[in-house]
Protein backbone atom coordinates (compact mmCIF):
# COMPACT_ATOMS: atom_id res chain seq x y z
CA MET A 1 0.86 -1.54 -15.29
CA THR A 2 1.79 1.12 -17.94
CA LYS A 3 -2.00 0.94 -19.45
CA LEU A 4 -3.02 0.96 -16.15
CA THR A 5 -1.49 4.24 -15.03
CA THR A 6 -1.99 5.89 -18.51
CA ASP A 7 -6.12 5.31 -17.56
CA LEU A 8 -5.32 6.26 -14.01
CA ILE A 9 -3.98 9.81 -14.91
CA ARG A 10 -6.76 10.46 -17.52
CA ASN A 11 -9.19 9.05 -15.62
CA GLN A 12 -11.18 12.14 -13.26
CA ILE A 13 -14.44 13.68 -12.61
CA LYS A 14 -16.65 15.63 -15.61
CA ARG A 15 -15.33 18.66 -16.42
CA THR A 16 -17.35 21.88 -15.19
CA GLU A 17 -18.42 24.62 -17.30
CA PHE A 18 -15.08 26.20 -16.72
CA ASN A 19 -13.33 23.37 -18.49
CA GLU A 20 -10.64 23.22 -16.23
CA HIS A 21 -7.54 20.86 -16.99
CA SER A 22 -7.16 19.99 -12.95
CA ALA A 23 -10.42 18.65 -11.34
CA PRO A 24 -11.52 21.54 -8.85
CA LEU A 25 -11.43 21.64 -5.13
CA TYR A 26 -15.36 21.01 -4.35
CA LEU A 27 -15.56 22.78 -0.37
CA THR A 28 -19.16 22.15 0.13
CA SER A 29 -21.03 20.68 2.97
CA SER A 30 -24.30 19.85 1.04
CA TYR A 31 -25.51 20.20 -2.25
CA VAL A 32 -28.74 21.83 -3.98
CA PHE A 33 -31.65 19.88 -5.30
CA ASP A 34 -33.94 20.88 -8.34
CA ASP A 35 -37.04 20.59 -6.83
CA PRO A 36 -39.25 18.70 -4.15
CA GLU A 37 -39.31 15.35 -6.07
CA ASP A 38 -35.68 15.26 -6.63
CA MET A 39 -34.98 15.64 -2.84
CA ARG A 40 -37.43 12.85 -2.13
CA ALA A 41 -35.90 10.56 -4.63
CA GLN A 42 -32.44 11.17 -3.97
CA PHE A 43 -33.36 10.33 -0.44
CA SER A 44 -35.23 7.10 -0.73
CA ASP A 45 -32.20 6.07 -3.29
CA GLU A 46 -34.65 5.93 -6.00
CA LYS A 47 -31.88 8.40 -8.04
CA GLU A 48 -28.59 8.82 -7.73
CA GLY A 49 -27.41 12.34 -6.64
CA LEU A 50 -25.04 14.09 -4.03
CA ILE A 51 -27.01 15.05 -1.03
CA TYR A 52 -24.25 15.91 1.96
CA SER A 53 -20.45 15.37 1.84
CA ARG A 54 -20.56 12.91 4.57
CA TYR A 55 -22.19 10.67 2.23
CA GLY A 56 -20.20 11.75 -0.67
CA ASN A 57 -18.58 14.40 -2.63
CA PRO A 58 -16.79 14.73 -6.12
CA ASN A 59 -13.34 14.68 -4.89
CA VAL A 60 -13.84 11.77 -2.81
CA ASN A 61 -15.93 9.67 -5.24
CA GLU A 62 -13.17 10.38 -8.05
CA PHE A 63 -10.32 9.21 -5.56
CA ILE A 64 -12.48 6.20 -4.72
CA GLN A 65 -12.78 5.56 -8.29
CA ARG A 66 -8.99 6.09 -9.05
CA MET A 67 -7.75 3.55 -6.40
CA ALA A 68 -10.87 0.73 -7.55
CA LEU A 69 -8.94 1.14 -11.05
CA LEU A 70 -5.90 0.68 -9.14
CA GLU A 71 -6.90 -2.39 -7.34
CA GLY A 72 -9.29 -4.04 -9.44
CA ALA A 73 -12.09 -3.46 -7.39
CA GLU A 74 -15.93 -2.63 -8.25
CA ASN A 75 -16.06 -0.16 -5.30
CA GLY A 76 -14.76 1.70 -2.71
CA TRP A 77 -15.34 3.88 0.50
CA ALA A 78 -12.57 6.74 1.78
CA THR A 79 -12.27 7.38 5.39
CA ALA A 80 -10.61 9.80 7.54
CA THR A 81 -7.73 7.68 8.38
CA GLY A 82 -6.44 4.67 7.99
CA MET A 83 -7.86 2.93 11.41
CA SER A 84 -10.98 4.31 10.51
CA ALA A 85 -11.14 2.28 7.46
CA VAL A 86 -10.19 -0.90 9.36
CA PHE A 87 -12.59 -0.09 12.19
CA THR A 88 -15.18 1.01 9.75
CA LEU A 89 -14.92 -2.32 8.14
CA PHE A 90 -15.33 -4.23 10.66
CA GLY A 91 -18.24 -2.02 12.13
CA ALA A 92 -20.55 -2.47 9.09
CA LEU A 93 -19.61 -6.25 8.59
CA LEU A 94 -19.62 -7.56 12.02
CA SER A 95 -22.25 -8.01 14.77
CA ALA A 96 -21.92 -9.45 18.67
CA GLY A 97 -20.99 -12.72 18.61
CA ASP A 98 -18.90 -12.78 15.64
CA HIS A 99 -15.35 -13.50 15.43
CA ILE A 100 -11.87 -12.45 13.70
CA VAL A 101 -8.92 -14.73 12.80
CA SER A 102 -5.76 -12.29 12.34
CA CYS A 103 -2.48 -12.97 11.40
CA ARG A 104 -0.04 -12.18 14.80
CA SER A 105 1.94 -9.34 12.80
CA ILE A 106 -0.50 -6.34 12.51
CA PHE A 107 -0.16 -2.71 13.23
CA GLY A 108 -0.11 -1.44 17.08
CA SER A 109 -3.65 0.14 16.87
CA THR A 110 -5.00 -2.89 14.91
CA HIS A 111 -4.19 -4.90 17.91
CA LYS A 112 -5.53 -2.68 20.30
CA LEU A 113 -9.06 -2.58 18.43
CA LEU A 114 -9.11 -6.16 18.35
CA THR A 115 -8.19 -7.05 22.16
CA GLU A 116 -9.75 -3.90 23.61
CA ILE A 117 -12.14 -2.41 21.67
CA LEU A 118 -14.08 -4.65 19.97
CA PRO A 119 -14.52 -7.33 22.86
CA LYS A 120 -16.73 -4.48 24.39
CA TRP A 121 -19.05 -5.55 21.61
CA ASN A 122 -18.75 -9.36 22.08
CA ILE A 123 -16.37 -9.24 18.85
CA ASN A 124 -13.76 -11.65 19.50
CA SER A 125 -10.37 -12.45 17.75
CA ASN A 126 -7.83 -15.09 17.86
CA TYR A 127 -4.06 -14.59 16.39
CA VAL A 128 -2.31 -17.04 14.31
CA ASN A 129 1.39 -16.82 12.94
CA PHE A 130 1.64 -15.17 9.55
CA ASP A 131 2.78 -18.60 7.89
CA ASP A 132 0.83 -20.77 9.26
CA TYR A 133 -1.83 -22.08 6.83
CA GLU A 134 -2.95 -24.75 8.78
CA GLY A 135 -3.14 -22.73 11.78
CA TYR A 136 -5.71 -20.50 10.00
CA GLU A 137 -7.53 -23.23 8.89
CA ALA A 138 -8.35 -24.02 12.41
CA ALA A 139 -8.92 -20.99 13.94
CA ILE A 140 -12.03 -20.31 12.00
CA LYS A 141 -14.91 -21.29 13.66
CA GLU A 142 -18.72 -21.30 12.99
CA ASN A 143 -18.91 -17.61 13.95
CA THR A 144 -15.67 -16.38 12.19
CA LYS A 145 -16.51 -13.55 9.72
CA ILE A 146 -13.22 -12.59 8.67
CA VAL A 147 -9.58 -13.53 8.38
CA TYR A 148 -7.04 -10.38 8.52
CA ILE A 149 -4.06 -10.17 7.47
CA GLU A 150 -1.30 -7.47 6.88
CA THR A 151 1.74 -8.25 4.11
CA PRO A 152 3.89 -7.36 3.99
CA SER A 153 3.66 -6.87 7.85
CA ASN A 154 4.63 -3.70 9.43
CA PRO A 155 7.80 -3.24 10.73
CA GLY A 156 8.89 -7.25 10.35
CA LEU A 157 8.21 -6.98 6.46
CA ASP A 158 6.58 -10.77 6.65
CA ILE A 159 5.16 -11.94 3.35
CA ILE A 160 1.65 -13.85 3.57
CA ASP A 161 0.80 -16.23 0.61
CA ILE A 162 -2.52 -14.35 -0.24
CA GLU A 163 -3.65 -16.92 -3.07
CA ARG A 164 -2.98 -19.80 -0.59
CA LEU A 165 -4.84 -18.30 2.62
CA ALA A 166 -7.89 -17.15 -0.10
CA ALA A 167 -8.20 -20.31 -1.24
CA ILE A 168 -8.95 -21.35 2.79
CA CYS A 169 -11.41 -18.75 3.25
CA LYS A 170 -13.37 -19.56 0.43
CA ARG A 171 -13.29 -22.90 1.35
CA LYS A 172 -14.43 -22.01 4.92
CA LYS A 173 -16.86 -19.09 3.49
CA VAL A 174 -15.34 -16.39 5.34
CA LEU A 175 -13.87 -12.95 3.97
CA LEU A 176 -10.50 -12.26 3.48
CA VAL A 177 -9.26 -8.89 4.47
CA VAL A 178 -5.53 -7.81 3.50
CA ASP A 179 -4.11 -4.45 4.65
CA ASN A 180 -2.45 -3.75 1.37
CA CYS A 181 -0.56 -0.54 2.63
CA PHE A 182 2.65 -1.09 2.38
CA ALA A 183 2.97 -2.79 -1.19
CA THR A 184 0.24 -0.25 -2.80
CA PRO A 185 -1.98 -1.36 -5.73
CA LEU A 186 0.96 -0.89 -8.29
CA LEU A 187 2.96 -3.72 -6.41
CA GLN A 188 0.72 -6.07 -5.24
CA GLN A 189 -3.16 -6.47 -6.01
CA PRO A 190 -4.97 -8.62 -3.14
CA LEU A 191 -8.24 -9.09 -4.93
CA ALA A 192 -6.88 -10.08 -8.10
CA LEU A 193 -5.38 -13.16 -5.59
CA GLY A 194 -8.40 -13.68 -4.15
CA ALA A 195 -8.83 -11.64 -1.20
CA ASP A 196 -12.47 -10.09 -0.94
CA VAL A 197 -11.62 -6.54 0.55
CA THR A 198 -8.27 -4.63 0.55
CA ILE A 199 -7.81 -1.79 2.83
CA HIS A 200 -5.35 1.10 2.69
CA SER A 201 -3.94 3.88 5.03
CA SER A 202 -3.91 6.24 2.38
CA THR A 203 -2.04 8.64 4.70
CA LYS A 204 1.08 6.61 3.69
CA TYR A 205 2.53 6.25 0.25
CA ILE A 206 -0.94 7.23 -1.69
CA ASP A 207 -0.66 10.72 -0.18
CA GLY A 208 3.21 9.98 -0.57
CA GLN A 209 4.46 13.51 0.86
CA GLY A 210 3.36 13.51 4.72
CA ARG A 211 0.66 16.22 4.13
CA THR A 212 -2.64 14.30 4.87
CA LEU A 213 -4.59 11.64 6.48
CA GLY A 214 -6.93 9.23 4.92
CA GLY A 215 -7.81 5.48 4.40
CA ILE A 216 -10.22 3.49 1.81
CA ILE A 217 -11.84 0.21 1.96
CA LEU A 218 -12.11 -1.39 -1.70
CA ALA A 219 -14.01 -4.54 -2.83
CA SER A 220 -17.14 -5.85 -4.16
CA ASN A 221 -20.36 -3.71 -4.71
CA GLU A 222 -22.15 -5.89 -2.11
CA ILE A 223 -19.67 -5.30 0.63
CA ILE A 224 -19.27 -1.69 -0.32
CA ASP A 225 -23.10 -1.35 0.24
CA GLU A 226 -22.64 -2.21 3.86
CA VAL A 227 -19.61 -0.40 4.28
CA LYS A 228 -21.88 2.33 2.92
CA ASN A 229 -24.60 2.02 5.32
CA PHE A 230 -22.69 1.93 8.12
CA ALA A 231 -20.51 4.71 7.09
CA ARG A 232 -22.87 7.47 6.09
CA HIS A 233 -24.60 7.29 9.79
CA SER A 234 -21.38 6.75 11.86
CA GLY A 235 -19.78 9.41 9.65
CA PRO A 236 -15.76 8.48 9.51
CA ALA A 237 -15.81 10.43 6.09
CA LEU A 238 -12.97 11.77 4.23
CA SER A 239 -12.52 15.60 3.98
CA PRO A 240 -12.72 16.90 0.44
CA PHE A 241 -9.55 18.35 0.80
CA ASN A 242 -7.79 15.47 1.29
CA ALA A 243 -9.19 13.42 -0.93
CA TRP A 244 -8.22 16.27 -3.89
CA ILE A 245 -4.63 16.10 -2.47
CA GLN A 246 -4.43 12.11 -2.29
CA SER A 247 -6.21 12.02 -5.83
CA LYS A 248 -3.56 14.36 -7.42
CA SER A 249 -0.95 11.97 -5.79
CA LEU A 250 -2.05 9.17 -7.45
CA GLU A 251 -0.77 10.22 -10.80
CA THR A 252 2.62 10.46 -9.74
CA LEU A 253 2.48 7.26 -7.71
CA ASP A 254 4.03 5.12 -10.19
CA VAL A 255 7.04 6.83 -10.51
CA ARG A 256 7.47 7.69 -6.56
CA MET A 257 7.22 3.72 -6.06
CA GLU A 258 9.49 2.94 -8.83
CA ARG A 259 12.38 5.18 -6.89
CA HIS A 260 11.10 4.22 -3.73
CA CYS A 261 11.73 0.65 -4.39
CA ASN A 262 14.56 0.88 -6.45
CA SER A 263 16.69 2.87 -3.69
CA ALA A 264 15.49 0.37 -1.07
CA PHE A 265 16.49 -2.43 -2.75
CA GLU A 266 20.02 -0.65 -3.31
CA ILE A 267 20.16 0.04 0.37
CA ALA A 268 19.09 -3.37 1.46
CA LYS A 269 21.77 -5.06 -0.53
CA ARG A 270 24.38 -2.99 0.98
CA LEU A 271 23.12 -3.49 4.21
CA GLU A 272 23.45 -7.05 4.29
CA GLN A 273 27.61 -6.54 3.45
CA THR A 274 27.50 -4.65 6.38
CA SER A 275 29.30 -6.22 9.53
CA ALA A 276 27.42 -4.07 11.83
CA ILE A 277 24.05 -5.84 10.91
CA ALA A 278 22.74 -9.00 12.12
CA GLN A 279 20.01 -9.33 9.85
CA VAL A 280 18.10 -7.47 7.06
CA LYS A 281 14.45 -7.84 5.89
CA TYR A 282 13.35 -7.00 2.69
CA PRO A 283 10.94 -9.18 0.47
CA PHE A 284 12.89 -8.77 -2.55
CA LEU A 285 16.27 -10.06 -1.12
CA GLU A 286 17.16 -13.80 -1.87
CA THR A 287 17.85 -14.05 2.05
CA HIS A 288 14.13 -13.44 3.00
CA PRO A 289 12.34 -16.22 4.44
CA GLN A 290 9.22 -16.08 1.85
CA PHE A 291 11.16 -14.49 -1.20
CA GLU A 292 9.83 -16.74 -3.49
CA ILE A 293 5.89 -15.65 -2.42
CA ALA A 294 6.87 -12.28 -2.45
CA LYS A 295 8.56 -12.56 -6.12
CA ARG A 296 5.36 -14.18 -6.99
CA GLN A 297 2.74 -11.56 -5.51
CA MET A 298 4.76 -8.38 -5.73
CA SER A 299 6.05 -6.71 -8.49
CA ALA A 300 8.85 -5.01 -6.68
CA GLY A 301 10.09 -4.75 -3.15
CA GLY A 302 8.84 -1.81 -1.78
CA GLY A 303 10.48 1.00 -0.39
CA ILE A 304 10.44 -0.16 3.60
CA ILE A 305 13.56 -1.92 4.83
CA SER A 306 13.96 -3.26 8.27
CA PHE A 307 17.19 -4.63 9.91
CA GLU A 308 18.89 -5.58 13.61
CA LEU A 309 21.83 -3.99 14.51
CA LYS A 310 24.35 -6.49 16.40
CA SER A 311 24.86 -3.66 19.20
CA GLY A 312 21.00 -3.95 20.24
CA VAL A 313 18.95 -1.75 21.69
CA HIS A 314 22.05 0.78 22.85
CA GLY A 315 23.32 0.44 19.35
CA GLY A 316 19.80 1.55 17.78
CA GLN A 317 19.57 4.53 19.79
CA ARG A 318 22.92 5.61 19.04
CA PHE A 319 22.34 4.68 15.22
CA LEU A 320 19.09 7.05 15.34
CA ASP A 321 20.90 9.90 17.05
CA ARG A 322 24.00 9.98 14.60
CA LEU A 323 21.47 10.15 11.86
CA GLN A 324 21.61 13.52 10.01
CA LEU A 325 19.93 13.28 6.75
CA PHE A 326 16.92 10.75 7.52
CA SER A 327 13.95 12.10 9.67
CA LEU A 328 12.88 10.37 12.92
CA THR A 329 9.23 10.03 12.80
CA ALA A 330 6.32 7.58 13.19
CA ASN A 331 5.06 8.31 9.66
CA LEU A 332 6.73 6.31 6.37
CA GLY A 333 5.88 6.28 2.58
CA ASP A 334 7.40 9.84 2.57
CA VAL A 335 9.24 11.53 -0.31
CA LYS A 336 11.61 12.08 2.77
CA SER A 337 13.29 9.42 4.18
CA ILE A 338 12.28 8.07 7.87
CA ALA A 339 13.63 6.28 10.77
CA THR A 340 11.73 4.29 13.19
CA HIS A 341 12.29 2.42 16.08
CA PRO A 342 9.10 0.08 16.38
CA ALA A 343 9.63 -0.98 19.49
CA SER A 344 9.07 2.70 21.30
CA THR A 345 6.78 3.96 18.38
CA THR A 346 4.10 2.19 16.09
CA HIS A 347 4.10 -0.80 18.36
CA SER A 348 4.82 0.62 21.80
CA LYS A 349 1.22 -0.37 22.59
CA LEU A 350 2.36 -4.08 22.40
CA THR A 351 3.93 -5.67 26.01
CA PRO A 352 7.59 -6.84 25.50
CA GLU A 353 6.68 -10.31 24.79
CA GLN A 354 3.77 -9.64 22.15
CA ARG A 355 6.45 -7.79 20.42
CA LEU A 356 8.61 -10.69 20.58
CA GLU A 357 6.19 -13.07 18.91
CA VAL A 358 6.06 -10.59 15.84
CA GLY A 359 9.81 -10.63 15.61
CA ILE A 360 10.21 -6.68 16.90
CA THR A 361 12.99 -6.74 19.03
CA ASP A 362 14.35 -3.77 21.00
CA GLY A 363 17.06 -3.41 18.63
CA LEU A 364 15.14 -3.41 15.39
CA ILE A 365 15.24 -0.18 12.95
CA ARG A 366 12.45 0.52 10.36
CA LEU A 367 13.79 2.55 7.25
CA SER A 368 11.00 4.10 4.76
CA ILE A 369 13.35 5.09 1.72
CA GLY A 370 12.48 8.47 0.26
CA LEU A 371 13.36 9.73 -2.90
CA GLU A 372 16.25 11.39 -2.12
CA ASN A 373 19.58 10.36 -4.20
CA VAL A 374 20.44 7.06 -3.08
CA GLU A 375 23.99 8.06 -2.30
CA ASP A 376 23.62 10.76 0.31
CA LEU A 377 21.19 8.28 2.01
CA TRP A 378 23.84 5.38 1.93
CA GLU A 379 26.44 8.28 2.99
CA ASP A 380 23.90 8.83 6.09
CA ILE A 381 23.85 5.66 7.42
CA LEU A 382 27.32 4.62 7.17
CA HIS A 383 28.01 8.01 9.24
CA ALA A 384 25.30 6.48 11.78
CA LEU A 385 26.59 3.05 11.63
């Protein structure tokens, strides 16, 4: 990744006549044409250019270019939030009567989208257990257009073999879409493993400081052309300001992820040796059920840890109450460490039965390890335990 991260830092939009070192912020809703013929040619797609910031903006374009470079994608489209990226992709590629196959371990809002919103337009879905590869193949029907997965999953950190599933999807002629939010492109590159589309909530590690909302879809030019056609007219555009912030954040993603991963791995190893903990899940722990797959397709284990306290839901509440350094919030991927109770926050939209199906018990705790000193974080955890 060394050469790639250097290219990332140095790859920015063209300097203006002021020769600025850092890309300026382009807060404009529209752009001026040279003459009526220039306007006509751009609106008819005969000539490339900037028309309106819902269609394109220099800051948004730079962000897309940088993310495409990291993911090894031909092109991309940036959206206002991570969930708008998911919905935009579905809206662009699916029609009434189409079908989606999804892993069961997905974010709560994505579950709502699949089970309550898309069925309004006769777009239906089936769930498959994350590691049931025969189940994925069996669930794909003639009208299936997309197989959708999260890996690592939120919050159970289940790992899906992308290469193996991609081979199934190619054989069945359906698109494989991977939510790569937890890993980031620095730890995992789904497109290189055979996926067709990768999606991010750039609100998380891409921003990295809990300041802005954003999302991005990365894929081939052919797929992004369809996404653009839908998004230009439905309007889920990323703001220039948020794109500027997130593009600048990408310049420090490498050093941030190294700290996130190193600290999370150290804390996960210590938690495994703690008598109050029933189970610890972290992709690079040898006790993780999909450890070998994680080591093969990820360069590091990420910054998220999930664990189950032996004392159950009441113990989990006491643990959160006693934390002093960790923030209690539903976000993740921040420089500040965060503790979350998924059953009552990020996955509260699922029924108790649905949560149990994906391994989310009432006592499950998710930690997003930030950039603080690891010994300070560990002291806070021990105090809470």
